[in-house]
Amino acid sequence: MPSKCYFCSERERPSYFSYFCDDCAMLRRMLMIYSPDKCTEILKRTCLRDDKQIDYKIGQEIKKIVNKDIEKMPTIHEEKISAVTTRSKKL
């Protein structure tokens, strides 16, 4: 029976003599290189969101959808051109 990682307790360790799975070992190396404070700050800034950030992101996504719908709508100039071409076809 393979042993589980000592950090995440989910994945298997690559060998009997290692303590961590590959991903947790990489996290450990990053913590040793950059310092735990810096890594924690980066994770909080990139992965965690507060209510204000969530509301802003929702607003941005709504704007994208609305802008796509506006781009799909024909302009007044295009409507006039299509009206002129349909009249000329009737003649």
PDB file of N, CA and C in Angstrom:
ATOM      1  N   MET A   1       0.849  -1.180   0.000  1.00  0.00           N
ATOM      2  CA  MET A   1       0.000   0.000   0.000  1.00  0.00           C
ATOM      3  C   MET A   1       0.896   1.246   0.000  1.00  0.00           C
ATOM      4  N   PRO A   2       0.722   2.117  -1.007  1.00  0.00           N
ATOM      5  CA  PRO A   2       1.554   3.325  -1.086  1.00  0.00           C
ATOM      6  C   PRO A   2       1.235   4.294   0.047  1.00  0.00           C
ATOM      7  N   SER A   3       2.235   5.015   0.451  1.00  0.00           N
ATOM      8  CA  SER A   3       2.066   5.992   1.534  1.00  0.00           C
ATOM      9  C   SER A   3       1.563   7.310   0.984  1.00  0.00           C
ATOM     10  N   LYS A   4       0.811   8.021   1.798  1.00  0.00           N
ATOM     11  CA  LYS A   4       0.262   9.318   1.404  1.00  0.00           C
ATOM     12  C   LYS A   4       1.237  10.435   1.761  1.00  0.00           C
ATOM     13  N   CYS A   5       1.064  11.541   1.079  1.00  0.00           N
ATOM     14  CA  CYS A   5       1.870  12.740   1.303  1.00  0.00           C
ATOM     15  C   CYS A   5       1.627  13.247   2.728  1.00  0.00           C
ATOM     16  N   TYR A   6       2.682  13.702   3.396  1.00  0.00           N
ATOM     17  CA  TYR A   6       2.554  14.219   4.752  1.00  0.00           C
ATOM     18  C   TYR A   6       1.890  15.591   4.787  1.00  0.00           C
ATOM     19  N   PHE A   7       1.900  16.308   3.669  1.00  0.00           N
ATOM     20  CA  PHE A   7       1.327  17.658   3.655  1.00  0.00           C
ATOM     21  C   PHE A   7      -0.148  17.640   3.259  1.00  0.00           C
ATOM     22  N   CYS A   8      -0.458  17.111   2.097  1.00  0.00           N
ATOM     23  CA  CYS A   8      -1.855  17.157   1.623  1.00  0.00           C
ATOM     24  C   CYS A   8      -2.655  15.915   2.024  1.00  0.00           C
ATOM     25  N   SER A   9      -2.003  14.844   2.319  1.00  0.00           N
ATOM     26  CA  SER A   9      -2.639  13.572   2.716  1.00  0.00           C
ATOM     27  C   SER A   9      -3.601  13.035   1.666  1.00  0.00           C
ATOM     28  N   GLU A  10      -3.437  13.434   0.425  1.00  0.00           N
ATOM     29  CA  GLU A  10      -4.311  12.968  -0.639  1.00  0.00           C
ATOM     30  C   GLU A  10      -3.573  12.129  -1.669  1.00  0.00           C
ATOM     31  N   ARG A  11      -2.420  12.615  -2.087  1.00  0.00           N
ATOM     32  CA  ARG A  11      -1.680  11.950  -3.159  1.00  0.00           C
ATOM     33  C   ARG A  11      -0.615  11.032  -2.582  1.00  0.00           C
ATOM     34  N   GLU A  12      -0.177  10.149  -3.444  1.00  0.00           N
ATOM     35  CA  GLU A  12       0.855   9.199  -3.030  1.00  0.00           C
ATOM     36  C   GLU A  12       2.237   9.826  -3.152  1.00  0.00           C
ATOM     37  N   ARG A  13       3.124   9.419  -2.250  1.00  0.00           N
ATOM     38  CA  ARG A  13       4.511   9.863  -2.317  1.00  0.00           C
ATOM     39  C   ARG A  13       5.217   9.085  -3.415  1.00  0.00           C
ATOM     40  N   PRO A  14       6.172   9.697  -4.108  1.00  0.00           N
ATOM     41  CA  PRO A  14       6.859   8.989  -5.193  1.00  0.00           C
ATOM     42  C   PRO A  14       7.707   7.818  -4.703  1.00  0.00           C
ATOM     43  N   SER A  15       8.211   7.888  -3.485  1.00  0.00           N
ATOM     44  CA  SER A  15       8.987   6.768  -2.953  1.00  0.00           C
ATOM     45  C   SER A  15       8.787   6.675  -1.444  1.00  0.00           C
ATOM     46  N   TYR A  16       9.237   5.608  -0.895  1.00  0.00           N
ATOM     47  CA  TYR A  16       9.092   5.390   0.545  1.00  0.00           C
ATOM     48  C   TYR A  16       9.879   6.430   1.340  1.00  0.00           C
ATOM     49  N   PHE A  17      10.998   6.867   0.812  1.00  0.00           N
ATOM     50  CA  PHE A  17      11.890   7.765   1.537  1.00  0.00           C
ATOM     51  C   PHE A  17      11.526   9.247   1.399  1.00  0.00           C
ATOM     52  N   SER A  18      10.603   9.593   0.537  1.00  0.00           N
ATOM     53  CA  SER A  18      10.175  10.991   0.400  1.00  0.00           C
ATOM     54  C   SER A  18       8.972  11.235   1.303  1.00  0.00           C
ATOM     55  N   TYR A  19       8.835  12.461   1.739  1.00  0.00           N
ATOM     56  CA  TYR A  19       7.742  12.816   2.637  1.00  0.00           C
ATOM     57  C   TYR A  19       6.541  13.400   1.906  1.00  0.00           C
ATOM     58  N   PHE A  20       6.801  14.043   0.755  1.00  0.00           N
ATOM     59  CA  PHE A  20       5.749  14.787   0.068  1.00  0.00           C
ATOM     60  C   PHE A  20       5.510  14.247  -1.334  1.00  0.00           C
ATOM     61  N   CYS A  21       4.310  14.486  -1.850  1.00  0.00           N
ATOM     62  CA  CYS A  21       4.025  14.183  -3.254  1.00  0.00           C
ATOM     63  C   CYS A  21       4.762  15.211  -4.115  1.00  0.00           C
ATOM     64  N   ASP A  22       4.735  15.042  -5.412  1.00  0.00           N
ATOM     65  CA  ASP A  22       5.492  15.930  -6.297  1.00  0.00           C
ATOM     66  C   ASP A  22       5.044  17.387  -6.192  1.00  0.00           C
ATOM     67  N   ASP A  23       3.732  17.620  -6.167  1.00  0.00           N
ATOM     68  CA  ASP A  23       3.222  18.997  -6.102  1.00  0.00           C
ATOM     69  C   ASP A  23       3.566  19.664  -4.770  1.00  0.00           C
ATOM     70  N   CYS A  24       3.397  18.941  -3.690  1.00  0.00           N
ATOM     71  CA  CYS A  24       3.703  19.513  -2.379  1.00  0.00           C
ATOM     72  C   CYS A  24       5.205  19.730  -2.215  1.00  0.00           C
ATOM     73  N   ALA A  25       6.005  18.870  -2.805  1.00  0.00           N
ATOM     74  CA  ALA A  25       7.454  19.065  -2.762  1.00  0.00           C
ATOM     75  C   ALA A  25       7.826  20.340  -3.514  1.00  0.00           C
ATOM     76  N   MET A  26       7.138  20.610  -4.635  1.00  0.00           N
ATOM     77  CA  MET A  26       7.408  21.843  -5.375  1.00  0.00           C
ATOM     78  C   MET A  26       6.992  23.064  -4.551  1.00  0.00           C
ATOM     79  N   LEU A  27       5.845  22.976  -3.884  1.00  0.00           N
ATOM     80  CA  LEU A  27       5.416  24.077  -3.013  1.00  0.00           C
ATOM     81  C   LEU A  27       6.433  24.318  -1.908  1.00  0.00           C
ATOM     82  N   ARG A  28       6.945  23.267  -1.338  1.00  0.00           N
ATOM     83  CA  ARG A  28       7.937  23.389  -0.275  1.00  0.00           C
ATOM     84  C   ARG A  28       9.200  24.085  -0.794  1.00  0.00           C
ATOM     85  N   ARG A  29       9.643  23.713  -1.989  1.00  0.00           N
ATOM     86  CA  ARG A  29      10.823  24.356  -2.571  1.00  0.00           C
ATOM     87  C   ARG A  29      10.565  25.836  -2.831  1.00  0.00           C
ATOM     88  N   MET A  30       9.365  26.171  -3.310  1.00  0.00           N
ATOM     89  CA  MET A  30       9.031  27.584  -3.541  1.00  0.00           C
ATOM     90  C   MET A  30       9.031  28.367  -2.228  1.00  0.00           C
ATOM     91  N   LEU A  31       8.515  27.760  -1.171  1.00  0.00           N
ATOM     92  CA  LEU A  31       8.511  28.422   0.134  1.00  0.00           C
ATOM     93  C   LEU A  31       9.931  28.658   0.634  1.00  0.00           C
ATOM     94  N   MET A  32      10.818  27.730   0.334  1.00  0.00           N
ATOM     95  CA  MET A  32      12.208  27.884   0.762  1.00  0.00           C
ATOM     96  C   MET A  32      12.917  28.963  -0.053  1.00  0.00           C
ATOM     97  N   ILE A  33      12.560  29.090  -1.314  1.00  0.00           N
ATOM     98  CA  ILE A  33      13.215  30.076  -2.185  1.00  0.00           C
ATOM     99  C   ILE A  33      12.708  31.487  -1.905  1.00  0.00           C
ATOM    100  N   TYR A  34      11.394  31.663  -1.856  1.00  0.00           N
ATOM    101  CA  TYR A  34      10.812  33.000  -1.811  1.00  0.00           C
ATOM    102  C   TYR A  34      10.403  33.490  -0.433  1.00  0.00           C
ATOM    103  N   SER A  35      10.287  32.669   0.514  1.00  0.00           N
ATOM    104  CA  SER A  35       9.840  32.937   1.894  1.00  0.00           C
ATOM    105  C   SER A  35       8.333  32.705   1.998  1.00  0.00           C
ATOM    106  N   PRO A  36       7.909  32.181   3.125  1.00  0.00           N
ATOM    107  CA  PRO A  36       6.474  31.907   3.312  1.00  0.00           C
ATOM    108  C   PRO A  36       5.597  33.151   3.240  1.00  0.00           C
ATOM    109  N   ASP A  37       6.093  34.283   3.751  1.00  0.00           N
ATOM    110  CA  ASP A  37       5.289  35.508   3.725  1.00  0.00           C
ATOM    111  C   ASP A  37       4.981  35.956   2.300  1.00  0.00           C
ATOM    112  N   LYS A  38       5.996  35.934   1.454  1.00  0.00           N
ATOM    113  CA  LYS A  38       5.813  36.358   0.076  1.00  0.00           C
ATOM    114  C   LYS A  38       4.881  35.399  -0.677  1.00  0.00           C
ATOM    115  N   CYS A  39       5.051  34.096  -0.475  1.00  0.00           N
ATOM    116  CA  CYS A  39       4.188  33.115  -1.136  1.00  0.00           C
ATOM    117  C   CYS A  39       2.743  33.243  -0.665  1.00  0.00           C
ATOM    118  N   THR A  40       2.543  33.456   0.620  1.00  0.00           N
ATOM    119  CA  THR A  40       1.191  33.630   1.151  1.00  0.00           C
ATOM    120  C   THR A  40       0.548  34.883   0.585  1.00  0.00           C
ATOM    121  N   GLU A  41       1.316  35.959   0.495  1.00  0.00           N
ATOM    122  CA  GLU A  41       0.791  37.207  -0.069  1.00  0.00           C
ATOM    123  C   GLU A  41       0.369  37.014  -1.524  1.00  0.00           C
ATOM    124  N   ILE A  42       1.184  36.318  -2.297  1.00  0.00           N
ATOM    125  CA  ILE A  42       0.856  36.072  -3.705  1.00  0.00           C
ATOM    126  C   ILE A  42      -0.398  35.217  -3.825  1.00  0.00           C
ATOM    127  N   LEU A  43      -0.504  34.177  -3.026  1.00  0.00           N
ATOM    128  CA  LEU A  43      -1.692  33.317  -3.068  1.00  0.00           C
ATOM    129  C   LEU A  43      -2.951  34.075  -2.662  1.00  0.00           C
ATOM    130  N   LYS A  44      -2.850  34.896  -1.637  1.00  0.00           N
ATOM    131  CA  LYS A  44      -4.015  35.683  -1.217  1.00  0.00           C
ATOM    132  C   LYS A  44      -4.437  36.660  -2.300  1.00  0.00           C
ATOM    133  N   ARG A  45      -3.442  37.297  -2.936  1.00  0.00           N
ATOM    134  CA  ARG A  45      -3.747  38.292  -3.959  1.00  0.00           C
ATOM    135  C   ARG A  45      -4.346  37.662  -5.208  1.00  0.00           C
ATOM    136  N   THR A  46      -3.912  36.464  -5.555  1.00  0.00           N
ATOM    137  CA  THR A  46      -4.356  35.854  -6.811  1.00  0.00           C
ATOM    138  C   THR A  46      -5.517  34.883  -6.651  1.00  0.00           C
ATOM    139  N   CYS A  47      -5.602  34.188  -5.551  1.00  0.00           N
ATOM    140  CA  CYS A  47      -6.614  33.130  -5.411  1.00  0.00           C
ATOM    141  C   CYS A  47      -7.834  33.535  -4.589  1.00  0.00           C
ATOM    142  N   LEU A  48      -7.651  34.403  -3.617  1.00  0.00           N
ATOM    143  CA  LEU A  48      -8.764  34.778  -2.747  1.00  0.00           C
ATOM    144  C   LEU A  48      -9.398  36.073  -3.231  1.00  0.00           C
ATOM    145  N   ARG A  49     -10.704  36.143  -3.142  1.00  0.00           N
ATOM    146  CA  ARG A  49     -11.449  37.335  -3.575  1.00  0.00           C
ATOM    147  C   ARG A  49     -12.386  37.765  -2.458  1.00  0.00           C
ATOM    148  N   ASP A  50     -12.484  39.084  -2.275  1.00  0.00           N
ATOM    149  CA  ASP A  50     -13.476  39.594  -1.338  1.00  0.00           C
ATOM    150  C   ASP A  50     -14.722  40.007  -2.124  1.00  0.00           C
ATOM    151  N   ASP A  51     -15.756  40.456  -1.429  1.00  0.00           N
ATOM    152  CA  ASP A  51     -17.031  40.779  -2.080  1.00  0.00           C
ATOM    153  C   ASP A  51     -16.891  41.889  -3.123  1.00  0.00           C
ATOM    154  N   LYS A  52     -16.064  42.882  -2.834  1.00  0.00           N
ATOM    155  CA  LYS A  52     -15.886  43.998  -3.761  1.00  0.00           C
ATOM    156  C   LYS A  52     -15.270  43.501  -5.077  1.00  0.00           C
ATOM    157  N   GLN A  53     -14.267  42.638  -4.973  1.00  0.00           N
ATOM    158  CA  GLN A  53     -13.625  42.105  -6.166  1.00  0.00           C
ATOM    159  C   GLN A  53     -14.574  41.209  -6.958  1.00  0.00           C
ATOM    160  N   ILE A  54     -15.393  40.437  -6.261  1.00  0.00           N
ATOM    161  CA  ILE A  54     -16.366  39.573  -6.937  1.00  0.00           C
ATOM    162  C   ILE A  54     -17.382  40.420  -7.688  1.00  0.00           C
ATOM    163  N   ASP A  55     -17.906  41.475  -7.044  1.00  0.00           N
ATOM    164  CA  ASP A  55     -18.867  42.354  -7.707  1.00  0.00           C
ATOM    165  C   ASP A  55     -18.256  43.027  -8.932  1.00  0.00           C
ATOM    166  N   TYR A  56     -17.007  43.469  -8.817  1.00  0.00           N
ATOM    167  CA  TYR A  56     -16.329  44.096  -9.948  1.00  0.00           C
ATOM    168  C   TYR A  56     -16.183  43.109 -11.108  1.00  0.00           C
ATOM    169  N   LYS A  57     -15.801  41.879 -10.801  1.00  0.00           N
ATOM    170  CA  LYS A  57     -15.621  40.864 -11.845  1.00  0.00           C
ATOM    171  C   LYS A  57     -16.956  40.553 -12.517  1.00  0.00           C
ATOM    172  N   ILE A  58     -18.027  40.464 -11.766  1.00  0.00           N
ATOM    173  CA  ILE A  58     -19.355  40.220 -12.337  1.00  0.00           C
ATOM    174  C   ILE A  58     -19.731  41.367 -13.267  1.00  0.00           C
ATOM    175  N   GLY A  59     -19.470  42.600 -12.831  1.00  0.00           N
ATOM    176  CA  GLY A  59     -19.758  43.765 -13.669  1.00  0.00           C
ATOM    177  C   GLY A  59     -18.972  43.737 -14.970  1.00  0.00           C
ATOM    178  N   GLN A  60     -17.706  43.345 -14.906  1.00  0.00           N
ATOM    179  CA  GLN A  60     -16.882  43.268 -16.113  1.00  0.00           C
ATOM    180  C   GLN A  60     -17.414  42.206 -17.073  1.00  0.00           C
ATOM    181  N   GLU A  61     -17.833  41.074 -16.553  1.00  0.00           N
ATOM    182  CA  GLU A  61     -18.365  40.014 -17.400  1.00  0.00           C
ATOM    183  C   GLU A  61     -19.682  40.442 -18.052  1.00  0.00           C
ATOM    184  N   ILE A  62     -20.519  41.152 -17.309  1.00  0.00           N
ATOM    185  CA  ILE A  62     -21.779  41.654 -17.874  1.00  0.00           C
ATOM    186  C   ILE A  62     -21.487  42.648 -18.990  1.00  0.00           C
ATOM    187  N   LYS A  63     -20.509  43.522 -18.784  1.00  0.00           N
ATOM    188  CA  LYS A  63     -20.132  44.485 -19.831  1.00  0.00           C
ATOM    189  C   LYS A  63     -19.673  43.780 -21.089  1.00  0.00           C
ATOM    190  N   LYS A  64     -18.906  42.698 -20.939  1.00  0.00           N
ATOM    191  CA  LYS A  64     -18.453  41.935 -22.106  1.00  0.00           C
ATOM    192  C   LYS A  64     -19.640  41.388 -22.890  1.00  0.00           C
ATOM    193  N   ILE A  65     -20.614  40.836 -22.174  1.00  0.00           N
ATOM    194  CA  ILE A  65     -21.795  40.256 -22.829  1.00  0.00           C
ATOM    195  C   ILE A  65     -22.588  41.342 -23.542  1.00  0.00           C
ATOM    196  N   VAL A  66     -22.793  42.469 -22.882  1.00  0.00           N
ATOM    197  CA  VAL A  66     -23.558  43.568 -23.479  1.00  0.00           C
ATOM    198  C   VAL A  66     -22.840  44.115 -24.705  1.00  0.00           C
ATOM    199  N   ASN A  67     -21.525  44.280 -24.625  1.00  0.00           N
ATOM    200  CA  ASN A  67     -20.763  44.786 -25.767  1.00  0.00           C
ATOM    201  C   ASN A  67     -20.834  43.836 -26.956  1.00  0.00           C
ATOM    202  N   LYS A  68     -20.816  42.529 -26.698  1.00  0.00           N
ATOM    203  CA  LYS A  68     -20.942  41.570 -27.791  1.00  0.00           C
ATOM    204  C   LYS A  68     -22.312  41.680 -28.447  1.00  0.00           C
ATOM    205  N   ASP A  69     -23.363  41.864 -27.632  1.00  0.00           N
ATOM    206  CA  ASP A  69     -24.708  42.010 -28.179  1.00  0.00           C
ATOM    207  C   ASP A  69     -24.828  43.291 -28.995  1.00  0.00           C
ATOM    208  N   ILE A  70     -24.204  44.363 -28.529  1.00  0.00           N
ATOM    209  CA  ILE A  70     -24.248  45.632 -29.262  1.00  0.00           C
ATOM    210  C   ILE A  70     -23.521  45.508 -30.592  1.00  0.00           C
ATOM    211  N   GLU A  71     -22.385  44.818 -30.600  1.00  0.00           N
ATOM    212  CA  GLU A  71     -21.636  44.638 -31.840  1.00  0.00           C
ATOM    213  C   GLU A  71     -22.425  43.831 -32.869  1.00  0.00           C
ATOM    214  N   LYS A  72     -23.263  42.922 -32.410  1.00  0.00           N
ATOM    215  CA  LYS A  72     -24.057  42.092 -33.320  1.00  0.00           C
ATOM    216  C   LYS A  72     -25.231  42.855 -33.928  1.00  0.00           C
ATOM    217  N   MET A  73     -25.693  43.904 -33.253  1.00  0.00           N
ATOM    218  CA  MET A  73     -26.841  44.662 -33.740  1.00  0.00           C
ATOM    219  C   MET A  73     -26.439  45.485 -34.963  1.00  0.00           C
ATOM    220  N   PRO A  74     -27.293  45.521 -35.996  1.00  0.00           N
ATOM    221  CA  PRO A  74     -26.970  46.344 -37.168  1.00  0.00           C
ATOM    222  C   PRO A  74     -27.082  47.829 -36.822  1.00  0.00           C
ATOM    223  N   THR A  75     -26.251  48.624 -37.430  1.00  0.00           N
ATOM    224  CA  THR A  75     -26.296  50.068 -37.186  1.00  0.00           C
ATOM    225  C   THR A  75     -27.376  50.688 -38.065  1.00  0.00           C
ATOM    226  N   ILE A  76     -27.685  51.947 -37.837  1.00  0.00           N
ATOM    227  CA  ILE A  76     -28.706  52.659 -38.623  1.00  0.00           C
ATOM    228  C   ILE A  76     -28.260  52.750 -40.069  1.00  0.00           C
ATOM    229  N   HIS A  77     -26.979  52.990 -40.288  1.00  0.00           N
ATOM    230  CA  HIS A  77     -26.440  53.085 -41.643  1.00  0.00           C
ATOM    231  C   HIS A  77     -26.626  51.755 -42.392  1.00  0.00           C
ATOM    232  N   GLU A  78     -26.367  50.644 -41.732  1.00  0.00           N
ATOM    233  CA  GLU A  78     -26.541  49.330 -42.358  1.00  0.00           C
ATOM    234  C   GLU A  78     -28.004  49.066 -42.675  1.00  0.00           C
ATOM    235  N   GLU A  79     -28.907  49.521 -41.799  1.00  0.00           N
ATOM    236  CA  GLU A  79     -30.333  49.320 -42.049  1.00  0.00           C
ATOM    237  C   GLU A  79     -30.782  50.113 -43.269  1.00  0.00           C
ATOM    238  N   LYS A  80     -30.276  51.352 -43.442  1.00  0.00           N
ATOM    239  CA  LYS A  80     -30.630  52.164 -44.599  1.00  0.00           C
ATOM    240  C   LYS A  80     -30.124  51.515 -45.880  1.00  0.00           C
ATOM    241  N   ILE A  81     -28.918  50.985 -45.856  1.00  0.00           N
ATOM    242  CA  ILE A  81     -28.363  50.334 -47.043  1.00  0.00           C
ATOM    243  C   ILE A  81     -29.181  49.106 -47.411  1.00  0.00           C
ATOM    244  N   SER A  82     -29.573  48.326 -46.432  1.00  0.00           N
ATOM    245  CA  SER A  82     -30.358  47.133 -46.729  1.00  0.00           C
ATOM    246  C   SER A  82     -31.744  47.516 -47.247  1.00  0.00           C
ATOM    247  N   ALA A  83     -32.311  48.626 -46.742  1.00  0.00           N
ATOM    248  CA  ALA A  83     -33.616  49.073 -47.218  1.00  0.00           C
ATOM    249  C   ALA A  83     -33.511  49.534 -48.668  1.00  0.00           C
ATOM    250  N   VAL A  84     -32.434  50.219 -49.036  1.00  0.00           N
ATOM    251  CA  VAL A  84     -32.242  50.696 -50.406  1.00  0.00           C
ATOM    252  C   VAL A  84     -32.053  49.510 -51.349  1.00  0.00           C
ATOM    253  N   THR A  85     -31.297  48.538 -50.956  1.00  0.00           N
ATOM    254  CA  THR A  85     -31.066  47.392 -51.841  1.00  0.00           C
ATOM    255  C   THR A  85     -32.332  46.574 -52.016  1.00  0.00           C
ATOM    256  N   THR A  86     -33.161  46.480 -51.017  1.00  0.00           N
ATOM    257  CA  THR A  86     -34.395  45.705 -51.170  1.00  0.00           C
ATOM    258  C   THR A  86     -35.374  46.437 -52.087  1.00  0.00           C
ATOM    259  N   ARG A  87     -35.407  47.774 -52.044  1.00  0.00           N
ATOM    260  CA  ARG A  87     -36.297  48.515 -52.924  1.00  0.00           C
ATOM    261  C   ARG A  87     -35.846  48.388 -54.374  1.00  0.00           C
ATOM    262  N   SER A  88     -34.540  48.444 -54.580  1.00  0.00           N
ATOM    263  CA  SER A  88     -34.049  48.372 -55.956  1.00  0.00           C
ATOM    264  C   SER A  88     -34.290  46.985 -56.542  1.00  0.00           C
ATOM    265  N   LYS A  89     -34.294  45.974 -55.712  1.00  0.00           N
ATOM    266  CA  LYS A  89     -34.554  44.624 -56.214  1.00  0.00           C
ATOM    267  C   LYS A  89     -36.021  44.492 -56.645  1.00  0.00           C
ATOM    268  N   LYS A  90     -36.932  45.237 -55.989  1.00  0.00           N
ATOM    269  CA  LYS A  90     -38.337  45.147 -56.328  1.00  0.00           C
ATOM    270  C   LYS A  90     -38.623  45.809 -57.661  1.00  0.00           C
ATOM    271  N   LEU A  91     -37.832  46.790 -58.005  1.00  0.00           N
ATOM    272  CA  LEU A  91     -38.076  47.509 -59.264  1.00  0.00           C
ATOM    273  C   LEU A  91     -37.640  46.690 -60.395  1.00  0.00           C
TER     274      LEU A  91
END
